[in-house]
Amino acid sequence: MKEQIRESLKLLQDRICDGLEQMDDKARFTEELWTRKEGGGGRTRVIQNGNILAKGGVNFSAVEGPMPAELIRTSLGIEPENAPENLSFYATGVSIVLHPHSPMVPITHMNVRYFEMSNGKWWFGGGIDLTPHYVIPELAKDFHQRMKAVCDKFNPDFHKRFKNWCDDYFFIKHRNEMRGIGGIFFDHLNSSDSSSLSKAQLLDFIIAVGDSFVPAYLYQVSNTKDLPYGESEKYWQELRRSRYVEFNLVWDRGTKFGLQTDGRTESILMSMPPTAAWEYDYQAAEGSKEAETQKFLVKGIDWINS
């Protein structure tokens, strides 16, 4: 199914790019095709300086080759010297990060992927999460309801499991706070998993997750893009963007995987915002909008029923 999965993900990239161009109504994606000397390549698509989007990327890749020692350690949980000889991998996926102009519009991220190894192991992974600069509970609820709806179509246990997984994954440990309000996250999902879904059904699931992305984000944008803001909100946006950078460079597995496997650096780091700010020991004023948002950046909030 490797070719089927790859082509399904390329078509998903096309649909998402079309939807985001319609949403922004100004900027258009530029595309760069690239190849990896060890095997494979991808399509990097970047959008900048639009009506809504300051910078964003919707990337497709399909890469293969020998598994680096660190990848063996992290993917298999064993030391490289104990791994089978000549172990190789194949990985394909679509990855998205969007940074808006307005501090009232959330940052968003999505990734869906497939990974297989020459020893026969394979799995799917992915998810969607939302990082508002200012948390609006009603919009957070809508976002999580949409994530639950796409999960429930395939397995009623998926949402609770993947929501909790997302809370744990997108946690900035050195800051003791979540990157945003979460969403869903899953990894190492295969037919022997408790999902009881076939490989074809799991492919359908990750494509459904991908196709839920544009409508979910469009709802967020349509409800926030016209909200007023000033210099203080823009400065807060810069500070929150710096948290995004910290997570992606320190903790994100996808960033580490791409760099460890000699992926294309520009494509891997397209998740970085156009600008960010760090202020030493910044403290939001008590009772401010910024302080209220920070109260929501914790694990375990039941957004749907709260």
Protein backbone atom coordinates (compact mmCIF):
# COMPACT_ATOMS: atom_id res chain seq x y z
CA MET A 1 0.00 0.00 0.00
CA LYS A 2 3.03 2.31 0.10
CA GLU A 3 2.23 3.92 -3.25
CA GLN A 4 -1.47 4.28 -2.41
CA ILE A 5 -0.64 5.99 0.88
CA ARG A 6 1.83 8.33 -0.80
CA GLU A 7 -0.62 9.36 -3.53
CA SER A 8 -3.46 9.84 -1.02
CA LEU A 9 -1.26 12.20 0.99
CA LYS A 10 -0.24 14.18 -2.10
CA LEU A 11 -3.89 14.69 -2.99
CA LEU A 12 -4.57 15.75 0.61
CA GLN A 13 -1.83 18.38 0.31
CA ASP A 14 -3.51 19.69 -2.86
CA ARG A 15 -6.94 19.96 -1.24
CA ILE A 16 -5.60 21.73 1.85
CA CYS A 17 -3.60 24.24 -0.20
CA ASP A 18 -6.66 25.02 -2.33
CA GLY A 19 -8.78 25.55 0.79
CA LEU A 20 -6.23 27.82 2.47
CA GLU A 21 -5.81 29.96 -0.64
CA GLN A 22 -9.56 30.47 -0.77
CA MET A 23 -9.58 31.34 2.94
CA ASP A 24 -6.78 33.91 2.67
CA ASP A 25 -8.12 35.39 -0.59
CA LYS A 26 -4.81 37.06 -1.44
CA ALA A 27 -1.63 35.01 -1.04
CA ARG A 28 -0.82 31.95 -3.11
CA PHE A 29 1.45 29.02 -2.34
CA THR A 30 4.85 28.79 -3.96
CA GLU A 31 6.17 25.27 -4.51
CA GLU A 32 9.67 23.85 -4.38
CA LEU A 33 10.38 20.26 -5.32
CA TRP A 34 13.35 18.70 -3.56
CA THR A 35 15.16 15.38 -3.48
CA ARG A 36 17.10 13.67 -0.73
CA LYS A 37 20.39 12.04 -1.69
CA GLU A 38 19.70 8.98 0.49
CA GLY A 39 16.32 8.48 -1.20
CA GLY A 40 13.01 10.23 -1.78
CA GLY A 41 12.04 13.87 -1.65
CA GLY A 42 9.07 16.13 -1.34
CA ARG A 43 7.00 19.17 -2.24
CA THR A 44 7.47 22.21 0.00
CA ARG A 45 4.66 24.75 -0.35
CA VAL A 46 4.92 28.09 1.44
CA ILE A 47 2.41 30.92 1.70
CA GLN A 48 3.36 34.40 2.95
CA ASN A 49 2.15 37.98 3.34
CA GLY A 50 -1.52 37.24 2.78
CA ASN A 51 -4.68 38.82 4.15
CA ILE A 52 -4.84 36.33 7.02
CA LEU A 53 -1.57 34.42 6.95
CA ALA A 54 1.77 36.03 7.71
CA LYS A 55 3.56 32.77 6.97
CA GLY A 56 2.62 29.15 6.57
CA GLY A 57 3.66 25.90 5.00
CA VAL A 58 1.93 22.76 3.75
CA ASN A 59 4.63 20.20 3.11
CA PHE A 60 4.55 16.73 1.58
CA SER A 61 7.47 14.34 1.81
CA ALA A 62 8.26 10.71 1.05
CA VAL A 63 11.75 9.69 2.12
CA GLU A 64 13.58 6.40 2.59
CA GLY A 65 16.99 4.99 3.35
CA PRO A 66 19.14 3.50 6.11
CA MET A 67 17.92 4.19 9.63
CA PRO A 68 20.29 6.48 11.58
CA ALA A 69 21.40 5.25 14.99
CA GLU A 70 19.38 7.85 16.87
CA LEU A 71 16.24 6.99 14.92
CA ILE A 72 16.69 3.32 15.82
CA ARG A 73 16.93 4.29 19.45
CA THR A 74 13.87 6.53 19.47
CA SER A 75 11.62 4.53 17.10
CA LEU A 76 12.43 1.03 18.30
CA GLY A 77 13.45 1.72 21.87
CA ILE A 78 16.61 -0.34 21.52
CA GLU A 79 20.28 0.48 21.30
CA PRO A 80 21.59 0.60 17.72
CA GLU A 81 24.15 -2.16 18.33
CA ASN A 82 21.27 -4.55 19.11
CA ALA A 83 19.24 -3.68 16.02
CA PRO A 84 18.94 -5.93 12.96
CA GLU A 85 21.61 -5.31 10.35
CA ASN A 86 20.94 -3.01 7.38
CA LEU A 87 17.70 -1.70 8.84
CA SER A 88 16.02 0.85 6.55
CA PHE A 89 12.88 2.99 6.69
CA TYR A 90 10.24 4.62 4.52
CA ALA A 91 8.26 7.63 5.74
CA THR A 92 5.68 9.81 4.04
CA GLY A 93 3.39 12.52 5.33
CA VAL A 94 1.86 15.96 5.16
CA SER A 95 2.82 18.61 7.72
CA ILE A 96 1.27 22.05 8.21
CA VAL A 97 1.97 25.10 10.36
CA LEU A 98 0.19 28.44 9.90
CA HIS A 99 1.13 31.74 11.56
CA PRO A 100 -1.50 34.50 11.16
CA HIS A 101 -0.94 38.27 11.10
CA SER A 102 -3.55 39.01 13.76
CA PRO A 103 -2.78 38.07 17.38
CA MET A 104 -6.47 37.29 17.75
CA VAL A 105 -6.26 34.45 15.19
CA PRO A 106 -4.69 31.19 16.46
CA ILE A 107 -1.58 29.46 15.21
CA THR A 108 -2.43 25.96 14.00
CA HIS A 109 -0.57 22.77 13.19
CA MET A 110 -1.47 19.48 11.54
CA ASN A 111 0.53 16.41 10.62
CA VAL A 112 -0.47 13.02 9.24
CA ARG A 113 2.15 10.41 8.40
CA TYR A 114 2.98 6.80 7.63
CA PHE A 115 6.18 5.00 8.62
CA GLU A 116 7.44 1.53 7.81
CA MET A 117 10.69 -0.34 8.39
CA SER A 118 12.41 -3.08 6.46
CA ASN A 119 11.77 -5.53 9.32
CA GLY A 120 8.03 -5.36 8.57
CA LYS A 121 6.93 -2.92 11.27
CA TRP A 122 4.64 -0.09 10.16
CA TRP A 123 2.41 2.53 11.72
CA PHE A 124 0.43 5.72 11.19
CA GLY A 125 0.65 8.90 13.23
CA GLY A 126 -0.57 12.45 13.24
CA GLY A 127 -2.95 14.93 14.77
CA ILE A 128 -4.17 18.51 14.84
CA ASP A 129 -3.68 21.09 17.56
CA LEU A 130 -4.54 24.75 18.07
CA THR A 131 -2.42 27.47 19.68
CA PRO A 132 -4.47 30.61 20.34
CA HIS A 133 -2.62 33.71 21.49
CA TYR A 134 -5.84 34.53 23.36
CA VAL A 135 -8.01 31.60 24.38
CA ILE A 136 -11.72 32.05 23.66
CA PRO A 137 -13.51 29.14 25.40
CA GLU A 138 -16.38 28.95 22.91
CA LEU A 139 -13.96 28.58 20.00
CA ALA A 140 -11.87 26.07 21.92
CA LYS A 141 -15.01 24.01 22.46
CA ASP A 142 -15.89 24.06 18.76
CA PHE A 143 -12.40 22.94 17.81
CA HIS A 144 -12.46 19.98 20.19
CA GLN A 145 -15.97 19.00 19.11
CA ARG A 146 -14.74 18.78 15.54
CA MET A 147 -11.80 16.62 16.57
CA LYS A 148 -14.12 14.31 18.48
CA ALA A 149 -16.47 14.05 15.50
CA VAL A 150 -13.75 12.85 13.12
CA CYS A 151 -12.44 10.36 15.71
CA ASP A 152 -15.89 8.96 16.52
CA LYS A 153 -16.46 8.00 12.87
CA PHE A 154 -13.72 5.38 13.23
CA ASN A 155 -13.52 4.38 16.88
CA PRO A 156 -15.45 5.75 19.90
CA ASP A 157 -12.36 5.35 22.07
CA PHE A 158 -10.10 7.41 19.84
CA HIS A 159 -10.96 10.91 21.01
CA LYS A 160 -10.39 10.54 24.73
CA ARG A 161 -7.20 8.63 24.14
CA PHE A 162 -5.82 10.98 21.48
CA LYS A 163 -6.92 14.14 23.32
CA ASN A 164 -5.01 13.09 26.44
CA TRP A 165 -2.04 12.06 24.30
CA CYS A 166 -2.07 15.51 22.70
CA ASP A 167 -2.12 17.25 26.09
CA ASP A 168 0.93 15.25 27.11
CA TYR A 169 2.80 15.66 23.82
CA PHE A 170 2.37 19.40 23.26
CA PHE A 171 3.61 20.24 26.73
CA ILE A 172 6.58 22.58 27.12
CA LYS A 173 8.27 20.83 30.01
CA HIS A 174 10.81 23.54 30.73
CA ARG A 175 7.95 26.09 30.99
CA ASN A 176 5.47 23.76 32.72
CA GLU A 177 2.73 24.79 30.31
CA MET A 178 0.96 23.51 27.22
CA ARG A 179 1.82 25.04 23.86
CA GLY A 180 -1.86 25.79 23.24
CA ILE A 181 -5.22 24.16 23.90
CA GLY A 182 -4.33 20.78 22.41
CA GLY A 183 -6.46 18.77 20.02
CA ILE A 184 -5.63 15.18 19.07
CA PHE A 185 -2.32 13.38 18.69
CA PHE A 186 -1.56 9.73 17.92
CA ASP A 187 1.44 7.65 16.95
CA HIS A 188 2.44 4.02 16.30
CA LEU A 189 -1.13 3.26 15.22
CA ASN A 190 -1.40 -0.07 13.40
CA SER A 191 -3.77 -3.00 12.97
CA SER A 192 -2.42 -4.76 16.08
CA ASP A 193 -3.24 -1.67 18.11
CA SER A 194 -6.44 -1.56 20.17
CA SER A 195 -8.03 0.35 17.28
CA SER A 196 -8.93 -2.96 15.57
CA LEU A 197 -8.83 -1.17 12.22
CA SER A 198 -7.18 -2.52 9.09
CA LYS A 199 -4.34 -0.73 7.33
CA ALA A 200 -6.77 0.59 4.71
CA GLN A 201 -9.14 1.85 7.41
CA LEU A 202 -6.29 3.58 9.24
CA LEU A 203 -5.33 5.30 6.00
CA ASP A 204 -8.94 6.47 5.68
CA PHE A 205 -8.71 7.77 9.25
CA ILE A 206 -5.62 9.92 8.74
CA ILE A 207 -7.05 11.30 5.49
CA ALA A 208 -10.28 12.17 7.33
CA VAL A 209 -8.21 13.93 10.01
CA GLY A 210 -6.45 15.86 7.25
CA ASP A 211 -9.70 16.81 5.55
CA SER A 212 -11.11 18.15 8.84
CA PHE A 213 -8.28 20.66 9.09
CA VAL A 214 -9.42 23.46 6.76
CA PRO A 215 -13.06 23.62 7.98
CA ALA A 216 -11.92 23.61 11.62
CA TYR A 217 -9.41 26.39 11.06
CA LEU A 218 -11.71 28.40 8.82
CA TYR A 219 -14.23 28.56 11.67
CA GLN A 220 -11.55 29.89 14.01
CA VAL A 221 -10.43 32.48 11.48
CA SER A 222 -13.92 33.69 10.59
CA ASN A 223 -14.66 34.33 14.28
CA THR A 224 -11.40 36.11 15.14
CA LYS A 225 -9.97 37.88 12.08
CA ASP A 226 -11.98 41.09 12.61
CA LEU A 227 -11.41 41.40 16.36
CA PRO A 228 -9.59 44.65 17.23
CA TYR A 229 -6.04 44.65 18.63
CA GLY A 230 -3.19 47.04 19.34
CA GLU A 231 0.52 47.08 20.09
CA SER A 232 0.18 45.24 23.42
CA GLU A 233 -1.64 42.32 21.74
CA LYS A 234 0.99 42.21 18.98
CA TYR A 235 3.76 42.06 21.59
CA TRP A 236 1.97 39.22 23.38
CA GLN A 237 1.74 37.42 20.03
CA GLU A 238 5.52 37.71 19.67
CA LEU A 239 6.04 36.25 23.14
CA ARG A 240 3.68 33.35 22.45
CA ARG A 241 5.37 32.70 19.12
CA SER A 242 8.63 32.27 21.03
CA ARG A 243 7.01 29.47 23.03
CA TYR A 244 6.12 27.82 19.72
CA VAL A 245 9.74 28.04 18.63
CA GLU A 246 10.96 26.58 21.93
CA PHE A 247 8.68 23.57 21.67
CA ASN A 248 9.48 22.81 18.05
CA LEU A 249 13.24 23.07 18.47
CA VAL A 250 13.53 21.35 21.84
CA TRP A 251 10.76 18.76 22.03
CA ASP A 252 9.08 18.13 18.67
CA ARG A 253 9.80 14.64 17.30
CA GLY A 254 9.05 15.62 13.72
CA THR A 255 11.69 18.35 13.75
CA LYS A 256 14.23 15.98 15.28
CA PHE A 257 13.35 13.20 12.83
CA GLY A 258 13.78 15.47 9.83
CA LEU A 259 17.13 16.79 10.96
CA GLN A 260 18.40 13.34 12.01
CA THR A 261 17.55 11.86 8.61
CA ASP A 262 19.15 14.66 6.57
CA GLY A 263 15.84 16.09 5.50
CA ARG A 264 15.60 19.45 3.79
CA THR A 265 16.36 22.01 6.51
CA GLU A 266 14.28 24.84 5.00
CA SER A 267 11.24 22.57 4.80
CA ILE A 268 11.71 21.25 8.34
CA LEU A 269 12.05 24.73 9.82
CA MET A 270 9.15 26.25 7.90
CA SER A 271 7.25 25.86 11.20
CA MET A 272 9.13 28.84 12.62
CA PRO A 273 7.15 32.12 12.80
CA PRO A 274 8.32 35.13 10.79
CA THR A 275 9.15 37.01 14.02
CA ALA A 276 9.18 36.22 17.75
CA ALA A 277 10.28 37.85 21.00
CA TRP A 278 11.82 36.77 24.28
CA GLU A 279 11.60 38.96 27.38
CA TYR A 280 13.52 37.99 30.49
CA ASP A 281 11.16 36.71 33.20
CA TYR A 282 8.02 38.14 31.60
CA GLN A 283 5.03 38.12 33.93
CA ALA A 284 1.53 38.85 32.66
CA ALA A 285 -0.29 41.43 34.75
CA GLU A 286 -2.79 39.92 37.17
CA GLY A 287 -6.30 40.07 35.76
CA SER A 288 -5.12 40.81 32.22
CA LYS A 289 -6.27 39.02 29.08
CA GLU A 290 -2.80 37.52 28.84
CA ALA A 291 -2.94 36.14 32.38
CA GLU A 292 -6.38 34.66 31.69
CA THR A 293 -5.06 32.86 28.63
CA GLN A 294 -2.17 31.40 30.62
CA LYS A 295 -4.68 29.82 33.02
CA PHE A 296 -5.98 27.73 30.12
CA LEU A 297 -2.55 26.38 29.12
CA VAL A 298 -2.78 23.31 31.34
CA LYS A 299 -3.42 19.63 30.74
CA GLY A 300 -6.73 17.89 31.20
CA ILE A 301 -9.32 20.59 30.46
CA ASP A 302 -12.58 19.04 29.25
CA TRP A 303 -13.37 21.65 26.61
CA ILE A 304 -16.41 19.85 25.23
CA ASN A 305 -18.31 19.50 28.51
CA SER A 306 -17.03 22.58 30.33
